[in-house]
Amino acid sequence: MLEKDDEAFLGDAGKSRYVIGNEQARERAEAELTEKRIERAATWDIEWPEDRRPGVETVEAAVVVELGVTGEDLRFHGHRLGVLKAVAMELCCLYSGTTQRAVAQRFGYRHESAVGKARRAARAALAADAGLADKAARVEKRLTR
């Protein structure tokens, strides 16, 4: 009854993400949307996400090989490796599906803010040192083979 006479209602109903009506109306709308979703998927309008990122362990293994460090040194809390540890954390954050917090815990830090600071230092070091940037690029190649 409202749909025929109330232009304001029609405008709001057209913008709403919610179905306005009884259970039967909601079920009908869901059926129509399901058909549209299937149709879009069949015509490749929807790109379903796929998680293809390696784990932090895989990235760390590539870092160990290319940077010439040990996993023990990477996980040691301190500045034993200098900028290499920062670069390792940057690469783990970039290429693994792991959160910055998880990377912090793996590398001996209690807070992800330490990783954020290290990542800024790593980006500066990679921009300034072509040899280090080349090693980081080799890590990426090793991970994308």
Protein backbone atom coordinates (compact mmCIF):
# COMPACT_ATOMS: atom_id res chain seq x y z
CA MET A 1 0.00 0.00 0.00
CA LEU A 2 2.82 2.43 0.82
CA GLU A 3 4.71 1.69 -2.36
CA LYS A 4 2.04 3.23 -4.59
CA ASP A 5 1.56 6.59 -2.87
CA ASP A 6 4.63 7.56 -0.87
CA GLU A 7 7.51 8.83 -3.04
CA ALA A 8 9.77 9.43 -0.03
CA PHE A 9 9.27 5.82 1.07
CA LEU A 10 10.01 4.57 -2.43
CA GLY A 11 13.24 6.58 -2.54
CA ASP A 12 14.40 5.30 0.85
CA ALA A 13 13.38 1.73 0.07
CA GLY A 14 15.41 1.83 -3.14
CA LYS A 15 18.53 2.93 -1.23
CA SER A 16 18.16 0.50 1.66
CA ARG A 17 20.35 -2.57 2.00
CA TYR A 18 17.57 -4.28 3.93
CA VAL A 19 14.43 -5.94 2.63
CA ILE A 20 11.32 -4.21 3.86
CA GLY A 21 8.47 -6.66 4.20
CA ASN A 22 7.37 -9.88 5.77
CA GLU A 23 9.21 -13.20 5.82
CA GLN A 24 7.90 -14.15 2.38
CA ALA A 25 9.24 -10.89 0.89
CA ARG A 26 12.65 -11.46 2.50
CA GLU A 27 12.83 -15.03 1.18
CA ARG A 28 11.88 -13.89 -2.33
CA ALA A 29 14.54 -11.14 -2.26
CA GLU A 30 17.20 -13.60 -1.04
CA ALA A 31 16.29 -16.02 -3.85
CA GLU A 32 16.60 -13.25 -6.45
CA LEU A 33 19.96 -12.13 -5.04
CA THR A 34 21.26 -15.70 -4.99
CA GLU A 35 20.41 -16.06 -8.68
CA LYS A 36 22.24 -12.79 -9.44
CA ARG A 37 25.29 -13.89 -7.46
CA ILE A 38 25.44 -17.19 -9.33
CA GLU A 39 24.97 -15.38 -12.65
CA ARG A 40 27.79 -12.96 -11.89
CA ALA A 41 30.07 -15.76 -10.79
CA ALA A 42 29.35 -17.64 -14.01
CA THR A 43 30.20 -14.59 -16.12
CA TRP A 44 33.36 -13.85 -14.10
CA ASP A 45 32.03 -10.59 -12.67
CA ILE A 46 33.00 -11.79 -9.23
CA GLU A 47 36.57 -12.59 -8.40
CA TRP A 48 36.57 -14.79 -5.35
CA PRO A 49 39.59 -14.19 -3.09
CA GLU A 50 42.19 -16.88 -2.80
CA ASP A 51 44.83 -17.00 -0.14
CA ARG A 52 48.06 -17.85 -1.94
CA ARG A 53 50.48 -16.19 0.42
CA PRO A 54 53.20 -18.27 2.01
CA GLY A 55 53.43 -18.64 5.76
CA VAL A 56 55.89 -16.64 7.80
CA GLU A 57 58.08 -19.74 8.19
CA THR A 58 58.46 -20.00 4.41
CA VAL A 59 59.35 -16.33 4.08
CA GLU A 60 61.80 -16.58 6.96
CA ALA A 61 63.50 -19.57 5.32
CA ALA A 62 63.97 -17.55 2.11
CA VAL A 63 65.29 -14.59 4.11
CA VAL A 64 67.79 -16.81 5.94
CA VAL A 65 69.20 -18.08 2.64
CA GLU A 66 69.34 -14.76 0.80
CA LEU A 67 70.47 -12.48 3.64
CA GLY A 68 72.94 -15.00 5.07
CA VAL A 69 71.61 -14.88 8.62
CA THR A 70 70.32 -17.55 10.98
CA GLY A 71 66.80 -18.04 12.22
CA GLU A 72 68.14 -17.94 15.78
CA ASP A 73 69.64 -14.50 15.18
CA LEU A 74 66.37 -13.29 13.67
CA ARG A 75 64.39 -14.42 16.69
CA PHE A 76 66.88 -12.99 19.20
CA HIS A 77 65.50 -9.89 20.90
CA GLY A 78 68.04 -7.19 20.27
CA HIS A 79 70.04 -5.46 17.58
CA ARG A 80 72.53 -8.23 16.86
CA LEU A 81 71.77 -8.14 13.11
CA GLY A 82 71.18 -4.42 12.75
CA VAL A 83 69.17 -3.48 9.70
CA LEU A 84 69.07 -7.06 8.41
CA LYS A 85 66.54 -8.01 11.08
CA ALA A 86 64.43 -5.01 10.12
CA VAL A 87 64.58 -6.07 6.47
CA ALA A 88 63.63 -9.62 7.45
CA MET A 89 60.58 -8.33 9.32
CA GLU A 90 59.61 -6.11 6.39
CA LEU A 91 59.80 -9.05 3.99
CA CYS A 92 57.80 -11.30 6.33
CA CYS A 93 55.09 -8.66 6.61
CA LEU A 94 55.03 -8.04 2.87
CA TYR A 95 54.98 -11.60 1.59
CA SER A 96 53.37 -13.75 4.27
CA GLY A 97 49.76 -13.83 5.23
CA THR A 98 50.81 -13.03 8.79
CA THR A 99 49.86 -9.99 10.82
CA GLN A 100 52.42 -7.48 12.01
CA ARG A 101 51.64 -8.55 15.57
CA ALA A 102 52.45 -12.19 14.78
CA VAL A 103 55.69 -11.14 13.08
CA ALA A 104 56.60 -9.14 16.19
CA GLN A 105 56.07 -12.15 18.42
CA ARG A 106 58.04 -14.42 16.09
CA PHE A 107 61.01 -12.06 16.09
CA GLY A 108 61.14 -11.53 19.85
CA TYR A 109 59.11 -8.35 20.31
CA ARG A 110 56.08 -7.87 22.52
CA HIS A 111 54.34 -5.19 20.46
CA GLU A 112 53.68 -4.68 16.77
CA SER A 113 54.79 -1.05 17.07
CA ALA A 114 58.39 -2.29 17.16
CA VAL A 115 57.82 -3.98 13.82
CA GLY A 116 56.31 -0.77 12.41
CA LYS A 117 59.45 1.16 13.39
CA ALA A 118 61.68 -1.58 12.00
CA ARG A 119 59.75 -1.60 8.72
CA ARG A 120 60.32 2.13 8.26
CA ALA A 121 64.04 1.63 8.89
CA ALA A 122 64.08 -1.31 6.47
CA ARG A 123 62.43 0.68 3.68
CA ALA A 124 64.98 3.47 4.14
CA ALA A 125 67.84 0.98 4.09
CA LEU A 126 66.50 -0.77 1.00
CA ALA A 127 66.17 2.56 -0.81
CA ALA A 128 69.73 3.55 0.11
CA ASP A 129 71.54 0.23 -0.43
CA ALA A 130 71.21 -1.34 -3.90
CA GLY A 131 72.91 -4.56 -2.80
CA LEU A 132 70.46 -5.04 0.03
CA ALA A 133 67.55 -4.24 -2.29
CA ASP A 134 68.87 -6.90 -4.69
CA LYS A 135 68.88 -9.47 -1.88
CA ALA A 136 65.30 -8.54 -0.99
CA ALA A 137 64.32 -8.95 -4.65
CA ARG A 138 65.88 -12.43 -4.62
CA VAL A 139 63.73 -13.31 -1.60
CA GLU A 140 60.65 -12.30 -3.58
CA LYS A 141 61.76 -14.40 -6.58
CA ARG A 142 62.39 -17.38 -4.35
CA LEU A 143 58.85 -17.06 -2.95
CA THR A 144 57.09 -16.63 -6.28
CA ARG A 145 58.65 -19.57 -8.16
